[in-house]
Each structure stands twice: as structure tokens, then as C-alpha cells.
Amino acid sequence: YVWADNVDQGSGEAMMAQAVEFSDAELKKYLRSPRSTNDTLFAMTEPAFETLNETERKELISKAWQFAQSQKLQKVTLLGKNGQSVAFATNDRIELIK
């Protein structure tokens, strides 16, 4: 079985996420390797992210979301040390994944 939202009839080139630079010191302290695709900001969490409580984590994700909006992106996905999603944000939602 194969499932897809879109079937690519294109060139066979993989879409690559482009590196972006955080200017905010707090984002740099807790997140690394920020990259973006056409609509999503991705970043890896630093070990210091684990020291934040739930409220602080949501505030940080909100700050990352504001940065994403300034870059005309529609989503944020934060990845943990094993590459799993630990949080995401969209226009109407901020979620921590446990």
C-alpha cells in the first residue's frame, strides 16, 4: 500500500531544508540547527531544553513560532535528541509531545 497527499511527477530531486539563523539568544540557548522548508521551521533541542518546565517550554515554542512567522513560515517542529518530535506550533496551536 502507498499513501500520499501529493504525487510528485517531477525531477526526482529531494527537497532540502535550508539553514536559517536565530538572532534571539534564548532560542540559540535551547535550540540548535534551525532549518526551514517551504512552510516549516525545524530545530533540534539542546539538553538545556529538558530543564525547562512546561510553561517555559511553551513560551520558547511561542518565541520560535514568532520567528517562523517573521520568515513567512506556517509551522514549527522541534526535534529531541533522538530525532523524535517533542513540540510543534501552528497558527492556532502550540503542543508539547510527551
C-alpha atoms as a PDB file:
ATOM      1  CA  TYR A   1       0.000   0.000   0.000  1.00  0.00           C
ATOM      2  CA  VAL A   2       1.146   3.508  -0.797  1.00  0.00           C
ATOM      3  CA  TRP A   3      -0.368   6.650   0.620  1.00  0.00           C
ATOM      4  CA  ALA A   4       0.445  10.246  -0.247  1.00  0.00           C
ATOM      5  CA  ASP A   5      -1.197  13.642  -0.257  1.00  0.00           C
ATOM      6  CA  ASN A   6       0.591  14.555  -3.457  1.00  0.00           C
ATOM      7  CA  VAL A   7       2.257  12.502  -6.133  1.00  0.00           C
ATOM      8  CA  ASP A   8       5.415  14.067  -7.490  1.00  0.00           C
ATOM      9  CA  GLN A   9       5.888  13.693 -11.201  1.00  0.00           C
ATOM     10  CA  GLY A  10       8.923  15.981 -11.019  1.00  0.00           C
ATOM     11  CA  SER A  11      12.634  15.785 -11.361  1.00  0.00           C
ATOM     12  CA  GLY A  12      13.340  13.230  -8.652  1.00  0.00           C
ATOM     13  CA  GLU A  13      15.257  15.776  -6.581  1.00  0.00           C
ATOM     14  CA  ALA A  14      14.669  15.637  -2.848  1.00  0.00           C
ATOM     15  CA  MET A  15      13.517  18.797  -1.114  1.00  0.00           C
ATOM     16  CA  MET A  16      16.276  20.036   1.170  1.00  0.00           C
ATOM     17  CA  ALA A  17      15.732  22.115   4.277  1.00  0.00           C
ATOM     18  CA  GLN A  18      17.685  25.368   4.197  1.00  0.00           C
ATOM     19  CA  ALA A  19      19.738  26.512   7.191  1.00  0.00           C
ATOM     20  CA  VAL A  20      18.433  29.622   8.953  1.00  0.00           C
ATOM     21  CA  GLU A  21      19.984  31.693  11.739  1.00  0.00           C
ATOM     22  CA  PHE A  22      18.339  32.561  15.041  1.00  0.00           C
ATOM     23  CA  SER A  23      19.076  36.111  16.176  1.00  0.00           C
ATOM     24  CA  ASP A  24      17.440  35.614  19.591  1.00  0.00           C
ATOM     25  CA  ALA A  25      19.870  34.487  22.334  1.00  0.00           C
ATOM     26  CA  GLU A  26      17.205  32.451  24.161  1.00  0.00           C
ATOM     27  CA  LEU A  27      16.357  30.476  21.020  1.00  0.00           C
ATOM     28  CA  LYS A  28      20.079  29.809  20.492  1.00  0.00           C
ATOM     29  CA  LYS A  29      20.435  28.614  24.102  1.00  0.00           C
ATOM     30  CA  TYR A  30      17.710  25.950  23.841  1.00  0.00           C
ATOM     31  CA  LEU A  31      17.555  25.143  20.100  1.00  0.00           C
ATOM     32  CA  ARG A  32      20.179  24.298  17.500  1.00  0.00           C
ATOM     33  CA  SER A  33      20.471  23.560  13.792  1.00  0.00           C
ATOM     34  CA  PRO A  34      17.429  25.585  12.691  1.00  0.00           C
ATOM     35  CA  ARG A  35      16.327  24.745   9.159  1.00  0.00           C
ATOM     36  CA  SER A  36      13.313  25.569   7.056  1.00  0.00           C
ATOM     37  CA  THR A  37      11.400  24.055   4.198  1.00  0.00           C
ATOM     38  CA  ASN A  38       8.768  25.942   2.194  1.00  0.00           C
ATOM     39  CA  ASP A  39       6.437  26.180   5.181  1.00  0.00           C
ATOM     40  CA  THR A  40       8.068  24.650   8.294  1.00  0.00           C
ATOM     41  CA  LEU A  41      10.818  25.648  10.709  1.00  0.00           C
ATOM     42  CA  PHE A  42      12.650  22.658  12.190  1.00  0.00           C
ATOM     43  CA  ALA A  43      15.118  22.811  15.087  1.00  0.00           C
ATOM     44  CA  MET A  44      16.814  20.329  17.406  1.00  0.00           C
ATOM     45  CA  THR A  45      16.506  20.857  21.150  1.00  0.00           C
ATOM     46  CA  GLU A  46      19.612  21.380  23.264  1.00  0.00           C
ATOM     47  CA  PRO A  47      19.970  19.408  26.538  1.00  0.00           C
ATOM     48  CA  ALA A  48      19.067  22.639  28.396  1.00  0.00           C
ATOM     49  CA  PHE A  49      15.554  22.375  26.906  1.00  0.00           C
ATOM     50  CA  GLU A  50      14.923  19.426  29.254  1.00  0.00           C
ATOM     51  CA  THR A  51      15.463  21.695  32.274  1.00  0.00           C
ATOM     52  CA  LEU A  52      12.519  23.932  31.333  1.00  0.00           C
ATOM     53  CA  ASN A  53       9.107  23.376  32.878  1.00  0.00           C
ATOM     54  CA  GLU A  54       6.005  23.032  30.686  1.00  0.00           C
ATOM     55  CA  THR A  55       5.136  26.740  30.796  1.00  0.00           C
ATOM     56  CA  GLU A  56       8.698  27.768  29.897  1.00  0.00           C
ATOM     57  CA  ARG A  57       8.776  25.270  27.042  1.00  0.00           C
ATOM     58  CA  LYS A  58       5.523  26.643  25.622  1.00  0.00           C
ATOM     59  CA  GLU A  59       6.899  30.195  25.896  1.00  0.00           C
ATOM     60  CA  LEU A  60      10.021  29.110  23.998  1.00  0.00           C
ATOM     61  CA  ILE A  61       7.937  27.400  21.310  1.00  0.00           C
ATOM     62  CA  SER A  62       5.846  30.560  21.039  1.00  0.00           C
ATOM     63  CA  LYS A  63       9.033  32.565  20.516  1.00  0.00           C
ATOM     64  CA  ALA A  64      10.149  30.091  17.831  1.00  0.00           C
ATOM     65  CA  TRP A  65       6.698  30.456  16.235  1.00  0.00           C
ATOM     66  CA  GLN A  66       7.081  34.254  16.153  1.00  0.00           C
ATOM     67  CA  PHE A  67      10.464  33.796  14.467  1.00  0.00           C
ATOM     68  CA  ALA A  68       8.913  31.377  11.947  1.00  0.00           C
ATOM     69  CA  GLN A  69       6.174  33.874  11.115  1.00  0.00           C
ATOM     70  CA  SER A  70       8.817  36.558  10.514  1.00  0.00           C
ATOM     71  CA  GLN A  71      10.321  34.150   7.945  1.00  0.00           C
ATOM     72  CA  LYS A  72       6.865  33.605   6.356  1.00  0.00           C
ATOM     73  CA  LEU A  73       6.691  30.001   7.619  1.00  0.00           C
ATOM     74  CA  GLN A  74       3.468  28.332   8.762  1.00  0.00           C
ATOM     75  CA  LYS A  75       4.659  25.633  11.199  1.00  0.00           C
ATOM     76  CA  VAL A  76       7.334  24.867  13.792  1.00  0.00           C
ATOM     77  CA  THR A  77       8.556  21.383  14.673  1.00  0.00           C
ATOM     78  CA  LEU A  78      11.080  20.815  17.454  1.00  0.00           C
ATOM     79  CA  LEU A  79      13.012  17.554  17.477  1.00  0.00           C
ATOM     80  CA  GLY A  80      14.545  15.869  20.524  1.00  0.00           C
ATOM     81  CA  LYS A  81      17.923  14.178  20.869  1.00  0.00           C
ATOM     82  CA  ASN A  82      16.683  11.008  19.153  1.00  0.00           C
ATOM     83  CA  GLY A  83      15.119  12.902  16.263  1.00  0.00           C
ATOM     84  CA  GLN A  84      11.570  12.470  17.552  1.00  0.00           C
ATOM     85  CA  SER A  85       9.110  15.385  17.568  1.00  0.00           C
ATOM     86  CA  VAL A  86       8.880  16.930  21.034  1.00  0.00           C
ATOM     87  CA  ALA A  87       6.798  20.014  20.193  1.00  0.00           C
ATOM     88  CA  PHE A  88       5.062  21.802  17.358  1.00  0.00           C
ATOM     89  CA  ALA A  89       3.296  25.060  16.665  1.00  0.00           C
ATOM     90  CA  THR A  90       0.882  26.293  14.033  1.00  0.00           C
ATOM     91  CA  ASN A  91      -1.216  29.413  13.687  1.00  0.00           C
ATOM     92  CA  ASP A  92      -3.838  28.171  16.168  1.00  0.00           C
ATOM     93  CA  ARG A  93      -1.991  25.625  18.285  1.00  0.00           C
ATOM     94  CA  ILE A  94       1.119  25.068  20.422  1.00  0.00           C
ATOM     95  CA  GLU A  95       1.657  21.494  21.624  1.00  0.00           C
ATOM     96  CA  LEU A  96       4.231  19.618  23.660  1.00  0.00           C
ATOM     97  CA  ILE A  97       4.518  15.950  22.717  1.00  0.00           C
ATOM     98  CA  LYS A  98       5.235  13.651  25.611  1.00  0.00           C
END
